C-alpha atoms as a PDB file:
ATOM      1  CA  UNK A   1      57.167   6.703 -31.491  1.00  0.00           C
ATOM      2  CA  UNK A   2      59.232   8.928 -29.226  1.00  0.00           C
ATOM      3  CA  UNK A   3      59.402  11.758 -31.803  1.00  0.00           C
ATOM      4  CA  UNK A   4      55.622  11.931 -32.024  1.00  0.00           C
ATOM      5  CA  UNK A   5      54.219  13.509 -28.893  1.00  0.00           C
ATOM      6  CA  UNK A   6      51.327  15.745 -27.943  1.00  0.00           C
ATOM      7  CA  UNK A   7      53.275  18.931 -28.692  1.00  0.00           C
ATOM      8  CA  UNK A   8      54.122  17.742 -32.202  1.00  0.00           C
ATOM      9  CA  UNK A   9      50.511  16.723 -32.781  1.00  0.00           C
ATOM     10  CA  UNK A  10      49.326  20.161 -31.649  1.00  0.00           C
ATOM     11  CA  UNK A  11      51.324  21.720 -34.496  1.00  0.00           C
ATOM     12  CA  UNK A  12      49.477  19.746 -37.169  1.00  0.00           C
ATOM     13  CA  UNK A  13      46.694  21.691 -38.853  1.00  0.00           C
ATOM     14  CA  UNK A  14      43.655  19.584 -39.626  1.00  0.00           C
ATOM     15  CA  UNK A  15      41.356  21.052 -42.245  1.00  0.00           C
ATOM     16  CA  UNK A  16      37.628  20.795 -42.186  1.00  0.00           C
ATOM     17  CA  UNK A  17      35.191  20.960 -45.057  1.00  0.00           C
ATOM     18  CA  UNK A  18      33.693  24.266 -46.128  1.00  0.00           C
ATOM     19  CA  UNK A  19      30.365  25.117 -44.537  1.00  0.00           C
ATOM     20  CA  UNK A  20      28.406  24.162 -47.676  1.00  0.00           C
ATOM     21  CA  UNK A  21      30.117  20.752 -47.687  1.00  0.00           C
ATOM     22  CA  UNK A  22      29.364  20.309 -43.986  1.00  0.00           C
ATOM     23  CA  UNK A  23      25.671  20.972 -44.736  1.00  0.00           C
ATOM     24  CA  UNK A  24      25.772  18.468 -47.599  1.00  0.00           C
ATOM     25  CA  UNK A  25      27.290  15.872 -45.277  1.00  0.00           C
ATOM     26  CA  UNK A  26      24.629  16.460 -42.619  1.00  0.00           C
ATOM     27  CA  UNK A  27      21.877  16.217 -45.237  1.00  0.00           C
ATOM     28  CA  UNK A  28      23.299  12.922 -46.516  1.00  0.00           C
ATOM     29  CA  UNK A  29      23.572  11.540 -42.986  1.00  0.00           C
ATOM     30  CA  UNK A  30      19.948  12.519 -42.324  1.00  0.00           C
ATOM     31  CA  UNK A  31      18.891  10.726 -45.530  1.00  0.00           C
ATOM     32  CA  UNK A  32      20.830   7.614 -44.555  1.00  0.00           C
ATOM     33  CA  UNK A  33      19.373   7.603 -41.043  1.00  0.00           C
ATOM     34  CA  UNK A  34      15.843   7.844 -42.481  1.00  0.00           C
ATOM     35  CA  UNK A  35      16.663   4.968 -44.854  1.00  0.00           C
ATOM     36  CA  UNK A  36      17.974   2.946 -41.914  1.00  0.00           C
ATOM     37  CA  UNK A  37      14.713   3.568 -40.041  1.00  0.00           C
ATOM     38  CA  UNK A  38      12.713   2.424 -43.069  1.00  0.00           C
ATOM     39  CA  UNK A  39      14.787  -0.737 -43.352  1.00  0.00           C
ATOM     40  CA  UNK A  40      14.366  -1.412 -39.642  1.00  0.00           C
ATOM     41  CA  UNK A  41      10.589  -1.125 -39.983  1.00  0.00           C
ATOM     42  CA  UNK A  42      10.577  -3.444 -43.006  1.00  0.00           C
ATOM     43  CA  UNK A  43      12.643  -6.019 -41.139  1.00  0.00           C
ATOM     44  CA  UNK A  44      10.299  -5.887 -38.144  1.00  0.00           C
ATOM     45  CA  UNK A  45       7.264  -6.296 -40.403  1.00  0.00           C
ATOM     46  CA  UNK A  46       8.916  -9.204 -42.207  1.00  0.00           C
ATOM     47  CA  UNK A  47       9.712 -10.914 -38.902  1.00  0.00           C
ATOM     48  CA  UNK A  48       6.121 -10.445 -37.734  1.00  0.00           C
ATOM     49  CA  UNK A  49       4.810 -11.891 -41.010  1.00  0.00           C
ATOM     50  CA  UNK A  50       7.186 -14.838 -40.770  1.00  0.00           C
ATOM     51  CA  UNK A  51       6.089 -15.545 -37.202  1.00  0.00           C
ATOM     52  CA  UNK A  52       2.432 -15.351 -38.215  1.00  0.00           C
ATOM     53  CA  UNK A  53       3.017 -17.672 -41.191  1.00  0.00           C
ATOM     54  CA  UNK A  54       4.996 -20.144 -39.073  1.00  0.00           C
ATOM     55  CA  UNK A  55       2.217 -20.226 -36.471  1.00  0.00           C
ATOM     56  CA  UNK A  56      -0.379 -20.780 -39.195  1.00  0.00           C
ATOM     57  CA  UNK A  57       1.609 -23.649 -40.746  1.00  0.00           C
ATOM     58  CA  UNK A  58       2.120 -25.298 -37.350  1.00  0.00           C
ATOM     59  CA  UNK A  59      -1.554 -24.891 -36.474  1.00  0.00           C
ATOM     60  CA  UNK A  60      -2.587 -26.342 -39.830  1.00  0.00           C
ATOM     61  CA  UNK A  61      -0.182 -29.280 -39.499  1.00  0.00           C
ATOM     62  CA  UNK A  62      -1.322 -30.183 -35.995  1.00  0.00           C
ATOM     63  CA  UNK A  63      -5.070 -29.976 -36.662  1.00  0.00           C
ATOM     64  CA  UNK A  64      -5.431 -33.363 -38.023  1.00  0.00           C
END
C-alpha cells in the first residue's frame, strides 16, 4: 500500500493496558507457564511408565 508508510505508522497511537492490567496479565502468564511445566512433567512420567510397561510385556512374552 503506497499510502501506508513508516511516517504514517509513526502517527498511530497504540494504547497499552493500565499497570494493574499489565500485572494481571503477567500473573496469568506465570500461572500458565507453571501449568505447562506440570503438564510436561506428567507427559514425561507417562512416557517412562509406558516404556517400562512395554518392556515388561515384551520380557514376559519372550520368556517362554
